[in-house]
Amino acid sequence: MFRDGDFGKFKKKVNDVLDLNLETLGHLLQVIETFLNVTRFESGKISITEEQVDLCEIAQGVYKELQMVADRKKITFTLSCAKQSVEVTGDREKLRNVLFNYVENALKYTE
């Protein structure tokens, strides 16, 4: 909320510190999530559900979720899918998470 200007504008130095803190917290969160996932996987608490998944459908959902982020940063963000469905066998939610994280990071670190 501070970074988005909900409490007014801050000086550049304050914004730089906020950016650094948010980036550091994001990295820490990713490290913690990775360790938790490894632990869950090793203990058998994460299961992979294999099903036919349309990658274009997943991409369209991720696109809709992140379009506002791109707009806010004035980044041209487009999606082009094949006319035919592109189906793979995999875990729908895990594939969505991978694509979401990939695109979200690309938007986050693009000026």
PDB file of N, CA and C in Angstrom:
ATOM      1  N   MET A   1       0.827  -1.188   0.000  1.00  0.00           N
ATOM      2  CA  MET A   1       0.000   0.000   0.000  1.00  0.00           C
ATOM      3  C   MET A   1       0.875   1.257   0.000  1.00  0.00           C
ATOM      4  N   PHE A   2       2.001   1.198   0.755  1.00  0.00           N
ATOM      5  CA  PHE A   2       2.923   2.335   0.729  1.00  0.00           C
ATOM      6  C   PHE A   2       3.465   2.535  -0.678  1.00  0.00           C
ATOM      7  N   ARG A   3       3.889   1.425  -1.298  1.00  0.00           N
ATOM      8  CA  ARG A   3       4.524   1.479  -2.615  1.00  0.00           C
ATOM      9  C   ARG A   3       3.547   1.940  -3.685  1.00  0.00           C
ATOM     10  N   ASP A   4       2.283   1.579  -3.533  1.00  0.00           N
ATOM     11  CA  ASP A   4       1.273   1.960  -4.523  1.00  0.00           C
ATOM     12  C   ASP A   4       0.760   3.380  -4.322  1.00  0.00           C
ATOM     13  N   GLY A   5       1.258   4.064  -3.293  1.00  0.00           N
ATOM     14  CA  GLY A   5       0.887   5.458  -3.075  1.00  0.00           C
ATOM     15  C   GLY A   5      -0.414   5.655  -2.333  1.00  0.00           C
ATOM     16  N   ASP A   6      -0.890   4.619  -1.656  1.00  0.00           N
ATOM     17  CA  ASP A   6      -2.155   4.745  -0.926  1.00  0.00           C
ATOM     18  C   ASP A   6      -2.079   5.747   0.222  1.00  0.00           C
ATOM     19  N   PHE A   7      -0.876   6.041   0.703  1.00  0.00           N
ATOM     20  CA  PHE A   7      -0.701   6.971   1.817  1.00  0.00           C
ATOM     21  C   PHE A   7       0.021   8.241   1.393  1.00  0.00           C
ATOM     22  N   GLY A   8      -0.022   8.526   0.112  1.00  0.00           N
ATOM     23  CA  GLY A   8       0.629   9.714  -0.414  1.00  0.00           C
ATOM     24  C   GLY A   8       1.947   9.378  -1.077  1.00  0.00           C
ATOM     25  N   LYS A   9       2.578  10.406  -1.591  1.00  0.00           N
ATOM     26  CA  LYS A   9       3.852  10.214  -2.291  1.00  0.00           C
ATOM     27  C   LYS A   9       5.001  10.305  -1.302  1.00  0.00           C
ATOM     28  N   PHE A  10       6.043   9.523  -1.587  1.00  0.00           N
ATOM     29  CA  PHE A  10       7.249   9.536  -0.776  1.00  0.00           C
ATOM     30  C   PHE A  10       8.417  10.024  -1.626  1.00  0.00           C
ATOM     31  N   LYS A  11       9.473  10.424  -0.949  1.00  0.00           N
ATOM     32  CA  LYS A  11      10.690  10.807  -1.656  1.00  0.00           C
ATOM     33  C   LYS A  11      11.310   9.578  -2.304  1.00  0.00           C
ATOM     34  N   LYS A  12      12.146   9.822  -3.304  1.00  0.00           N
ATOM     35  CA  LYS A  12      12.774   8.736  -4.050  1.00  0.00           C
ATOM     36  C   LYS A  12      13.540   7.793  -3.130  1.00  0.00           C
ATOM     37  N   LYS A  13      14.236   8.328  -2.155  1.00  0.00           N
ATOM     38  CA  LYS A  13      15.028   7.493  -1.239  1.00  0.00           C
ATOM     39  C   LYS A  13      14.127   6.526  -0.468  1.00  0.00           C
ATOM     40  N   VAL A  14      12.983   7.002  -0.022  1.00  0.00           N
ATOM     41  CA  VAL A  14      12.038   6.144   0.701  1.00  0.00           C
ATOM     42  C   VAL A  14      11.496   5.070  -0.242  1.00  0.00           C
ATOM     43  N   ASN A  15      11.153   5.462  -1.477  1.00  0.00           N
ATOM     44  CA  ASN A  15      10.674   4.486  -2.467  1.00  0.00           C
ATOM     45  C   ASN A  15      11.727   3.434  -2.767  1.00  0.00           C
ATOM     46  N   ASP A  16      12.998   3.848  -2.837  1.00  0.00           N
ATOM     47  CA  ASP A  16      14.076   2.898  -3.087  1.00  0.00           C
ATOM     48  C   ASP A  16      14.189   1.885  -1.947  1.00  0.00           C
ATOM     49  N   VAL A  17      14.062   2.347  -0.720  1.00  0.00           N
ATOM     50  CA  VAL A  17      14.113   1.447   0.439  1.00  0.00           C
ATOM     51  C   VAL A  17      12.912   0.504   0.425  1.00  0.00           C
ATOM     52  N   LEU A  18      11.745   1.026   0.111  1.00  0.00           N
ATOM     53  CA  LEU A  18      10.554   0.173   0.016  1.00  0.00           C
ATOM     54  C   LEU A  18      10.734  -0.890  -1.056  1.00  0.00           C
ATOM     55  N   ASP A  19      11.262  -0.500  -2.208  1.00  0.00           N
ATOM     56  CA  ASP A  19      11.504  -1.459  -3.288  1.00  0.00           C
ATOM     57  C   ASP A  19      12.465  -2.556  -2.842  1.00  0.00           C
ATOM     58  N   LEU A  20      13.545  -2.153  -2.193  1.00  0.00           N
ATOM     59  CA  LEU A  20      14.534  -3.122  -1.720  1.00  0.00           C
ATOM     60  C   LEU A  20      13.920  -4.082  -0.711  1.00  0.00           C
ATOM     61  N   ASN A  21      13.140  -3.547   0.219  1.00  0.00           N
ATOM     62  CA  ASN A  21      12.486  -4.396   1.226  1.00  0.00           C
ATOM     63  C   ASN A  21      11.503  -5.370   0.583  1.00  0.00           C
ATOM     64  N   LEU A  22      10.715  -4.877  -0.360  1.00  0.00           N
ATOM     65  CA  LEU A  22       9.750  -5.752  -1.026  1.00  0.00           C
ATOM     66  C   LEU A  22      10.452  -6.848  -1.822  1.00  0.00           C
ATOM     67  N   GLU A  23      11.531  -6.493  -2.485  1.00  0.00           N
ATOM     68  CA  GLU A  23      12.287  -7.484  -3.260  1.00  0.00           C
ATOM     69  C   GLU A  23      12.893  -8.533  -2.336  1.00  0.00           C
ATOM     70  N   THR A  24      13.480  -8.082  -1.236  1.00  0.00           N
ATOM     71  CA  THR A  24      14.082  -9.007  -0.278  1.00  0.00           C
ATOM     72  C   THR A  24      13.032  -9.929   0.328  1.00  0.00           C
ATOM     73  N   LEU A  25      11.901  -9.376   0.710  1.00  0.00           N
ATOM     74  CA  LEU A  25      10.822 -10.197   1.268  1.00  0.00           C
ATOM     75  C   LEU A  25      10.308 -11.201   0.241  1.00  0.00           C
ATOM     76  N   GLY A  26      10.224 -10.779  -1.009  1.00  0.00           N
ATOM     77  CA  GLY A  26       9.794 -11.689  -2.064  1.00  0.00           C
ATOM     78  C   GLY A  26      10.741 -12.863  -2.222  1.00  0.00           C
ATOM     79  N   HIS A  27      12.048 -12.581  -2.176  1.00  0.00           N
ATOM     80  CA  HIS A  27      13.032 -13.656  -2.284  1.00  0.00           C
ATOM     81  C   HIS A  27      12.956 -14.601  -1.084  1.00  0.00           C
ATOM     82  N   LEU A  28      12.813 -14.025   0.104  1.00  0.00           N
ATOM     83  CA  LEU A  28      12.694 -14.860   1.305  1.00  0.00           C
ATOM     84  C   LEU A  28      11.457 -15.741   1.237  1.00  0.00           C
ATOM     85  N   LEU A  29      10.365 -15.183   0.773  1.00  0.00           N
ATOM     86  CA  LEU A  29       9.137 -15.950   0.631  1.00  0.00           C
ATOM     87  C   LEU A  29       9.325 -17.104  -0.341  1.00  0.00           C
ATOM     88  N   GLN A  30      10.017 -16.862  -1.443  1.00  0.00           N
ATOM     89  CA  GLN A  30      10.274 -17.923  -2.417  1.00  0.00           C
ATOM     90  C   GLN A  30      11.149 -19.017  -1.827  1.00  0.00           C
ATOM     91  N   VAL A  31      12.156 -18.643  -1.045  1.00  0.00           N
ATOM     92  CA  VAL A  31      13.027 -19.638  -0.409  1.00  0.00           C
ATOM     93  C   VAL A  31      12.237 -20.488   0.562  1.00  0.00           C
ATOM     94  N   ILE A  32      11.415 -19.851   1.385  1.00  0.00           N
ATOM     95  CA  ILE A  32      10.593 -20.579   2.352  1.00  0.00           C
ATOM     96  C   ILE A  32       9.632 -21.508   1.625  1.00  0.00           C
ATOM     97  N   GLU A  33       8.991 -21.007   0.586  1.00  0.00           N
ATOM     98  CA  GLU A  33       8.037 -21.820  -0.179  1.00  0.00           C
ATOM     99  C   GLU A  33       8.724 -23.013  -0.824  1.00  0.00           C
ATOM    100  N   THR A  34       9.937 -22.815  -1.310  1.00  0.00           N
ATOM    101  CA  THR A  34      10.700 -23.920  -1.907  1.00  0.00           C
ATOM    102  C   THR A  34      10.986 -24.992  -0.867  1.00  0.00           C
ATOM    103  N   PHE A  35      11.469 -24.591   0.302  1.00  0.00           N
ATOM    104  CA  PHE A  35      11.745 -25.564   1.358  1.00  0.00           C
ATOM    105  C   PHE A  35      10.475 -26.290   1.797  1.00  0.00           C
ATOM    106  N   LEU A  36       9.385 -25.561   1.916  1.00  0.00           N
ATOM    107  CA  LEU A  36       8.121 -26.202   2.297  1.00  0.00           C
ATOM    108  C   LEU A  36       7.671 -27.202   1.240  1.00  0.00           C
ATOM    109  N   ASN A  37       7.811 -26.851  -0.020  1.00  0.00           N
ATOM    110  CA  ASN A  37       7.415 -27.764  -1.096  1.00  0.00           C
ATOM    111  C   ASN A  37       8.279 -29.011  -1.126  1.00  0.00           C
ATOM    112  N   VAL A  38       9.591 -28.849  -0.903  1.00  0.00           N
ATOM    113  CA  VAL A  38      10.482 -30.011  -0.867  1.00  0.00           C
ATOM    114  C   VAL A  38      10.075 -30.931   0.282  1.00  0.00           C
ATOM    115  N   THR A  39       9.806 -30.349   1.436  1.00  0.00           N
ATOM    116  CA  THR A  39       9.385 -31.133   2.601  1.00  0.00           C
ATOM    117  C   THR A  39       8.060 -31.837   2.329  1.00  0.00           C
ATOM    118  N   ARG A  40       7.124 -31.126   1.751  1.00  0.00           N
ATOM    119  CA  ARG A  40       5.823 -31.733   1.424  1.00  0.00           C
ATOM    120  C   ARG A  40       5.985 -32.872   0.427  1.00  0.00           C
ATOM    121  N   PHE A  41       6.806 -32.642  -0.586  1.00  0.00           N
ATOM    122  CA  PHE A  41       7.014 -33.663  -1.611  1.00  0.00           C
ATOM    123  C   PHE A  41       7.667 -34.904  -1.011  1.00  0.00           C
ATOM    124  N   GLU A  42       8.711 -34.698  -0.187  1.00  0.00           N
ATOM    125  CA  GLU A  42       9.417 -35.820   0.431  1.00  0.00           C
ATOM    126  C   GLU A  42       8.513 -36.604   1.381  1.00  0.00           C
ATOM    127  N   SER A  43       7.590 -35.921   2.038  1.00  0.00           N
ATOM    128  CA  SER A  43       6.706 -36.602   2.976  1.00  0.00           C
ATOM    129  C   SER A  43       5.472 -37.187   2.288  1.00  0.00           C
ATOM    130  N   GLY A  44       5.359 -36.974   0.987  1.00  0.00           N
ATOM    131  CA  GLY A  44       4.222 -37.518   0.250  1.00  0.00           C
ATOM    132  C   GLY A  44       2.961 -36.685   0.356  1.00  0.00           C
ATOM    133  N   LYS A  45       3.060 -35.471   0.894  1.00  0.00           N
ATOM    134  CA  LYS A  45       1.883 -34.615   1.059  1.00  0.00           C
ATOM    135  C   LYS A  45       1.551 -33.829  -0.209  1.00  0.00           C
ATOM    136  N   ILE A  46       2.487 -33.790  -1.150  1.00  0.00           N
ATOM    137  CA  ILE A  46       2.194 -33.166  -2.445  1.00  0.00           C
ATOM    138  C   ILE A  46       1.979 -34.292  -3.439  1.00  0.00           C
ATOM    139  N   SER A  47       0.876 -34.221  -4.077  1.00  0.00           N
ATOM    140  CA  SER A  47       0.606 -35.243  -5.081  1.00  0.00           C
ATOM    141  C   SER A  47       0.464 -34.568  -6.442  1.00  0.00           C
ATOM    142  N   ILE A  48       0.822 -35.309  -7.446  1.00  0.00           N
ATOM    143  CA  ILE A  48       0.706 -34.821  -8.817  1.00  0.00           C
ATOM    144  C   ILE A  48      -0.543 -35.460  -9.420  1.00  0.00           C
ATOM    145  N   THR A  49      -1.433 -34.623  -9.898  1.00  0.00           N
ATOM    146  CA  THR A  49      -2.642 -35.109 -10.547  1.00  0.00           C
ATOM    147  C   THR A  49      -2.445 -35.008 -12.046  1.00  0.00           C
ATOM    148  N   GLU A  50      -2.356 -36.134 -12.704  1.00  0.00           N
ATOM    149  CA  GLU A  50      -2.151 -36.109 -14.153  1.00  0.00           C
ATOM    150  C   GLU A  50      -3.491 -36.097 -14.865  1.00  0.00           C
ATOM    151  N   GLU A  51      -3.614 -35.141 -15.772  1.00  0.00           N
ATOM    152  CA  GLU A  51      -4.816 -35.018 -16.587  1.00  0.00           C
ATOM    153  C   GLU A  51      -4.442 -34.304 -17.875  1.00  0.00           C
ATOM    154  N   GLN A  52      -5.307 -34.354 -18.852  1.00  0.00           N
ATOM    155  CA  GLN A  52      -5.101 -33.602 -20.083  1.00  0.00           C
ATOM    156  C   GLN A  52      -5.368 -32.138 -19.779  1.00  0.00           C
ATOM    157  N   VAL A  53      -4.387 -31.291 -20.094  1.00  0.00           N
ATOM    158  CA  VAL A  53      -4.476 -29.870 -19.775  1.00  0.00           C
ATOM    159  C   VAL A  53      -4.228 -29.070 -21.052  1.00  0.00           C
ATOM    160  N   ASP A  54      -5.078 -28.089 -21.309  1.00  0.00           N
ATOM    161  CA  ASP A  54      -4.904 -27.190 -22.448  1.00  0.00           C
ATOM    162  C   ASP A  54      -4.040 -26.018 -21.994  1.00  0.00           C
ATOM    163  N   LEU A  55      -2.812 -25.951 -22.497  1.00  0.00           N
ATOM    164  CA  LEU A  55      -1.882 -24.901 -22.085  1.00  0.00           C
ATOM    165  C   LEU A  55      -2.377 -23.508 -22.470  1.00  0.00           C
ATOM    166  N   CYS A  56      -3.097 -23.409 -23.578  1.00  0.00           N
ATOM    167  CA  CYS A  56      -3.620 -22.110 -23.999  1.00  0.00           C
ATOM    168  C   CYS A  56      -4.672 -21.602 -23.000  1.00  0.00           C
ATOM    169  N   GLU A  57      -5.474 -22.507 -22.508  1.00  0.00           N
ATOM    170  CA  GLU A  57      -6.486 -22.139 -21.512  1.00  0.00           C
ATOM    171  C   GLU A  57      -5.817 -21.619 -20.238  1.00  0.00           C
ATOM    172  N   ILE A  58      -4.757 -22.289 -19.815  1.00  0.00           N
ATOM    173  CA  ILE A  58      -4.024 -21.847 -18.631  1.00  0.00           C
ATOM    174  C   ILE A  58      -3.398 -20.478 -18.891  1.00  0.00           C
ATOM    175  N   ALA A  59      -2.784 -20.311 -20.059  1.00  0.00           N
ATOM    176  CA  ALA A  59      -2.145 -19.043 -20.410  1.00  0.00           C
ATOM    177  C   ALA A  59      -3.160 -17.906 -20.435  1.00  0.00           C
ATOM    178  N   GLN A  60      -4.357 -18.173 -20.927  1.00  0.00           N
ATOM    179  CA  GLN A  60      -5.395 -17.137 -20.969  1.00  0.00           C
ATOM    180  C   GLN A  60      -5.791 -16.699 -19.561  1.00  0.00           C
ATOM    181  N   GLY A  61      -5.884 -17.646 -18.641  1.00  0.00           N
ATOM    182  CA  GLY A  61      -6.209 -17.311 -17.251  1.00  0.00           C
ATOM    183  C   GLY A  61      -5.125 -16.467 -16.611  1.00  0.00           C
ATOM    184  N   VAL A  62      -3.867 -16.851 -16.821  1.00  0.00           N
ATOM    185  CA  VAL A  62      -2.738 -16.092 -16.277  1.00  0.00           C
ATOM    186  C   VAL A  62      -2.705 -14.698 -16.893  1.00  0.00           C
ATOM    187  N   TYR A  63      -2.950 -14.626 -18.184  1.00  0.00           N
ATOM    188  CA  TYR A  63      -2.979 -13.335 -18.881  1.00  0.00           C
ATOM    189  C   TYR A  63      -4.017 -12.403 -18.250  1.00  0.00           C
ATOM    190  N   LYS A  64      -5.213 -12.914 -18.012  1.00  0.00           N
ATOM    191  CA  LYS A  64      -6.277 -12.093 -17.419  1.00  0.00           C
ATOM    192  C   LYS A  64      -5.891 -11.617 -16.020  1.00  0.00           C
ATOM    193  N   GLU A  65      -5.248 -12.496 -15.253  1.00  0.00           N
ATOM    194  CA  GLU A  65      -4.865 -12.141 -13.884  1.00  0.00           C
ATOM    195  C   GLU A  65      -3.777 -11.069 -13.836  1.00  0.00           C
ATOM    196  N   LEU A  66      -2.875 -11.077 -14.802  1.00  0.00           N
ATOM    197  CA  LEU A  66      -1.718 -10.180 -14.749  1.00  0.00           C
ATOM    198  C   LEU A  66      -1.812  -8.982 -15.677  1.00  0.00           C
ATOM    199  N   GLN A  67      -2.871  -8.872 -16.446  1.00  0.00           N
ATOM    200  CA  GLN A  67      -3.024  -7.758 -17.379  1.00  0.00           C
ATOM    201  C   GLN A  67      -2.956  -6.412 -16.666  1.00  0.00           C
ATOM    202  N   MET A  68      -3.585  -6.288 -15.516  1.00  0.00           N
ATOM    203  CA  MET A  68      -3.576  -5.017 -14.789  1.00  0.00           C
ATOM    204  C   MET A  68      -2.178  -4.638 -14.324  1.00  0.00           C
ATOM    205  N   VAL A  69      -1.374  -5.628 -13.957  1.00  0.00           N
ATOM    206  CA  VAL A  69       0.005  -5.363 -13.542  1.00  0.00           C
ATOM    207  C   VAL A  69       0.769  -4.757 -14.716  1.00  0.00           C
ATOM    208  N   ALA A  70       0.619  -5.347 -15.892  1.00  0.00           N
ATOM    209  CA  ALA A  70       1.288  -4.835 -17.089  1.00  0.00           C
ATOM    210  C   ALA A  70       0.785  -3.429 -17.432  1.00  0.00           C
ATOM    211  N   ASP A  71      -0.514  -3.232 -17.346  1.00  0.00           N
ATOM    212  CA  ASP A  71      -1.090  -1.914 -17.644  1.00  0.00           C
ATOM    213  C   ASP A  71      -0.534  -0.852 -16.704  1.00  0.00           C
ATOM    214  N   ARG A  72      -0.450  -1.188 -15.417  1.00  0.00           N
ATOM    215  CA  ARG A  72       0.033  -0.243 -14.415  1.00  0.00           C
ATOM    216  C   ARG A  72       1.470   0.187 -14.714  1.00  0.00           C
ATOM    217  N   LYS A  73       2.269  -0.758 -15.241  1.00  0.00           N
ATOM    218  CA  LYS A  73       3.662  -0.453 -15.562  1.00  0.00           C
ATOM    219  C   LYS A  73       3.843   0.027 -17.003  1.00  0.00           C
ATOM    220  N   LYS A  74       2.710   0.159 -17.707  1.00  0.00           N
ATOM    221  CA  LYS A  74       2.718   0.585 -19.114  1.00  0.00           C
ATOM    222  C   LYS A  74       3.579  -0.339 -19.977  1.00  0.00           C
ATOM    223  N   ILE A  75       3.421  -1.647 -19.746  1.00  0.00           N
ATOM    224  CA  ILE A  75       4.121  -2.669 -20.517  1.00  0.00           C
ATOM    225  C   ILE A  75       3.129  -3.263 -21.512  1.00  0.00           C
ATOM    226  N   THR A  76       3.530  -3.340 -22.771  1.00  0.00           N
ATOM    227  CA  THR A  76       2.692  -3.986 -23.772  1.00  0.00           C
ATOM    228  C   THR A  76       2.674  -5.473 -23.463  1.00  0.00           C
ATOM    229  N   PHE A  77       1.502  -6.001 -23.211  1.00  0.00           N
ATOM    230  CA  PHE A  77       1.348  -7.384 -22.747  1.00  0.00           C
ATOM    231  C   PHE A  77       0.288  -8.042 -23.615  1.00  0.00           C
ATOM    232  N   THR A  78       0.707  -8.973 -24.456  1.00  0.00           N
ATOM    233  CA  THR A  78      -0.239  -9.622 -25.356  1.00  0.00           C
ATOM    234  C   THR A  78      -0.127 -11.135 -25.219  1.00  0.00           C
ATOM    235  N   LEU A  79      -1.164 -11.796 -25.658  1.00  0.00           N
ATOM    236  CA  LEU A  79      -1.201 -13.254 -25.649  1.00  0.00           C
ATOM    237  C   LEU A  79      -1.647 -13.718 -27.023  1.00  0.00           C
ATOM    238  N   SER A  80      -0.926 -14.667 -27.557  1.00  0.00           N
ATOM    239  CA  SER A  80      -1.281 -15.246 -28.834  1.00  0.00           C
ATOM    240  C   SER A  80      -1.267 -16.762 -28.681  1.00  0.00           C
ATOM    241  N   CYS A  81      -2.417 -17.380 -28.858  1.00  0.00           N
ATOM    242  CA  CYS A  81      -2.530 -18.835 -28.719  1.00  0.00           C
ATOM    243  C   CYS A  81      -2.786 -19.468 -30.087  1.00  0.00           C
ATOM    244  N   ALA A  82      -2.404 -20.716 -30.195  1.00  0.00           N
ATOM    245  CA  ALA A  82      -2.667 -21.482 -31.409  1.00  0.00           C
ATOM    246  C   ALA A  82      -4.171 -21.643 -31.590  1.00  0.00           C
ATOM    247  N   LYS A  83      -4.591 -21.799 -32.824  1.00  0.00           N
ATOM    248  CA  LYS A  83      -6.023 -21.989 -33.085  1.00  0.00           C
ATOM    249  C   LYS A  83      -6.506 -23.329 -32.548  1.00  0.00           C
ATOM    250  N   GLN A  84      -5.616 -24.315 -32.567  1.00  0.00           N
ATOM    251  CA  GLN A  84      -5.950 -25.615 -31.997  1.00  0.00           C
ATOM    252  C   GLN A  84      -5.500 -25.625 -30.541  1.00  0.00           C
ATOM    253  N   SER A  85      -6.163 -26.430 -29.736  1.00  0.00           N
ATOM    254  CA  SER A  85      -5.740 -26.518 -28.344  1.00  0.00           C
ATOM    255  C   SER A  85      -4.378 -27.212 -28.286  1.00  0.00           C
ATOM    256  N   VAL A  86      -3.590 -26.800 -27.312  1.00  0.00           N
ATOM    257  CA  VAL A  86      -2.274 -27.391 -27.088  1.00  0.00           C
ATOM    258  C   VAL A  86      -2.379 -28.158 -25.782  1.00  0.00           C
ATOM    259  N   GLU A  87      -2.567 -29.472 -25.902  1.00  0.00           N
ATOM    260  CA  GLU A  87      -2.804 -30.281 -24.707  1.00  0.00           C
ATOM    261  C   GLU A  87      -1.571 -31.075 -24.320  1.00  0.00           C
ATOM    262  N   VAL A  88      -1.352 -31.116 -23.003  1.00  0.00           N
ATOM    263  CA  VAL A  88      -0.287 -31.924 -22.425  1.00  0.00           C
ATOM    264  C   VAL A  88      -0.880 -32.699 -21.257  1.00  0.00           C
ATOM    265  N   THR A  89      -0.168 -33.704 -20.815  1.00  0.00           N
ATOM    266  CA  THR A  89      -0.581 -34.428 -19.617  1.00  0.00           C
ATOM    267  C   THR A  89       0.211 -33.864 -18.451  1.00  0.00           C
ATOM    268  N   GLY A  90      -0.490 -33.395 -17.430  1.00  0.00           N
ATOM    269  CA  GLY A  90       0.196 -32.806 -16.281  1.00  0.00           C
ATOM    270  C   GLY A  90      -0.776 -32.373 -15.211  1.00  0.00           C
ATOM    271  N   ASP A  91      -0.247 -31.758 -14.184  1.00  0.00           N
ATOM    272  CA  ASP A  91      -1.040 -31.245 -13.072  1.00  0.00           C
ATOM    273  C   ASP A  91      -1.436 -29.806 -13.388  1.00  0.00           C
ATOM    274  N   ARG A  92      -2.721 -29.580 -13.603  1.00  0.00           N
ATOM    275  CA  ARG A  92      -3.226 -28.270 -14.037  1.00  0.00           C
ATOM    276  C   ARG A  92      -2.773 -27.138 -13.112  1.00  0.00           C
ATOM    277  N   GLU A  93      -2.942 -27.292 -11.825  1.00  0.00           N
ATOM    278  CA  GLU A  93      -2.634 -26.209 -10.882  1.00  0.00           C
ATOM    279  C   GLU A  93      -1.137 -25.940 -10.806  1.00  0.00           C
ATOM    280  N   LYS A  94      -0.341 -26.972 -10.843  1.00  0.00           N
ATOM    281  CA  LYS A  94       1.110 -26.769 -10.780  1.00  0.00           C
ATOM    282  C   LYS A  94       1.625 -26.120 -12.069  1.00  0.00           C
ATOM    283  N   LEU A  95       1.083 -26.516 -13.205  1.00  0.00           N
ATOM    284  CA  LEU A  95       1.452 -25.864 -14.467  1.00  0.00           C
ATOM    285  C   LEU A  95       1.051 -24.391 -14.456  1.00  0.00           C
ATOM    286  N   ARG A  96      -0.133 -24.103 -13.935  1.00  0.00           N
ATOM    287  CA  ARG A  96      -0.594 -22.716 -13.828  1.00  0.00           C
ATOM    288  C   ARG A  96       0.330 -21.916 -12.920  1.00  0.00           C
ATOM    289  N   ASN A  97       0.731 -22.503 -11.797  1.00  0.00           N
ATOM    290  CA  ASN A  97       1.627 -21.805 -10.869  1.00  0.00           C
ATOM    291  C   ASN A  97       2.972 -21.488 -11.523  1.00  0.00           C
ATOM    292  N   VAL A  98       3.514 -22.436 -12.283  1.00  0.00           N
ATOM    293  CA  VAL A  98       4.794 -22.215 -12.958  1.00  0.00           C
ATOM    294  C   VAL A  98       4.661 -21.069 -13.958  1.00  0.00           C
ATOM    295  N   LEU A  99       3.633 -21.107 -14.793  1.00  0.00           N
ATOM    296  CA  LEU A  99       3.451 -20.053 -15.798  1.00  0.00           C
ATOM    297  C   LEU A  99       3.187 -18.705 -15.131  1.00  0.00           C
ATOM    298  N   PHE A 100       2.349 -18.695 -14.100  1.00  0.00           N
ATOM    299  CA  PHE A 100       2.035 -17.457 -13.391  1.00  0.00           C
ATOM    300  C   PHE A 100       3.311 -16.842 -12.812  1.00  0.00           C
ATOM    301  N   ASN A 101       4.120 -17.647 -12.123  1.00  0.00           N
ATOM    302  CA  ASN A 101       5.350 -17.142 -11.515  1.00  0.00           C
ATOM    303  C   ASN A 101       6.321 -16.616 -12.574  1.00  0.00           C
ATOM    304  N   TYR A 102       6.416 -17.331 -13.676  1.00  0.00           N
ATOM    305  CA  TYR A 102       7.314 -16.930 -14.759  1.00  0.00           C
ATOM    306  C   TYR A 102       6.902 -15.561 -15.322  1.00  0.00           C
ATOM    307  N   VAL A 103       5.629 -15.414 -15.646  1.00  0.00           N
ATOM    308  CA  VAL A 103       5.148 -14.158 -16.239  1.00  0.00           C
ATOM    309  C   VAL A 103       5.159 -13.035 -15.213  1.00  0.00           C
ATOM    310  N   GLU A 104       4.755 -13.346 -13.982  1.00  0.00           N
ATOM    311  CA  GLU A 104       4.748 -12.316 -12.936  1.00  0.00           C
ATOM    312  C   GLU A 104       6.154 -11.769 -12.704  1.00  0.00           C
ATOM    313  N   ASN A 105       7.152 -12.644 -12.659  1.00  0.00           N
ATOM    314  CA  ASN A 105       8.538 -12.193 -12.488  1.00  0.00           C
ATOM    315  C   ASN A 105       8.998 -11.370 -13.689  1.00  0.00           C
ATOM    316  N   ALA A 106       8.623 -11.779 -14.881  1.00  0.00           N
ATOM    317  CA  ALA A 106       8.996 -11.006 -16.065  1.00  0.00           C
ATOM    318  C   ALA A 106       8.417  -9.588 -15.986  1.00  0.00           C
ATOM    319  N   LEU A 107       7.167  -9.476 -15.563  1.00  0.00           N
ATOM    320  CA  LEU A 107       6.552  -8.155 -15.428  1.00  0.00           C
ATOM    321  C   LEU A 107       7.191  -7.357 -14.293  1.00  0.00           C
ATOM    322  N   LYS A 108       7.471  -8.033 -13.207  1.00  0.00           N
ATOM    323  CA  LYS A 108       8.032  -7.360 -12.031  1.00  0.00           C
ATOM    324  C   LYS A 108       9.399  -6.764 -12.341  1.00  0.00           C
ATOM    325  N   TYR A 109      10.232  -7.489 -13.093  1.00  0.00           N
ATOM    326  CA  TYR A 109      11.601  -7.026 -13.311  1.00  0.00           C
ATOM    327  C   TYR A 109      11.804  -6.333 -14.653  1.00  0.00           C
ATOM    328  N   THR A 110      10.719  -5.989 -15.324  1.00  0.00           N
ATOM    329  CA  THR A 110      10.802  -5.231 -16.556  1.00  0.00           C
ATOM    330  C   THR A 110      10.447  -3.779 -16.259  1.00  0.00           C
ATOM    331  N   GLU A 111      11.311  -2.900 -16.674  1.00  0.00           N
ATOM    332  CA  GLU A 111      11.062  -1.461 -16.453  1.00  0.00           C
ATOM    333  C   GLU A 111       9.982  -0.977 -17.391  1.00  0.00           C
TER     334      GLU A 111
END
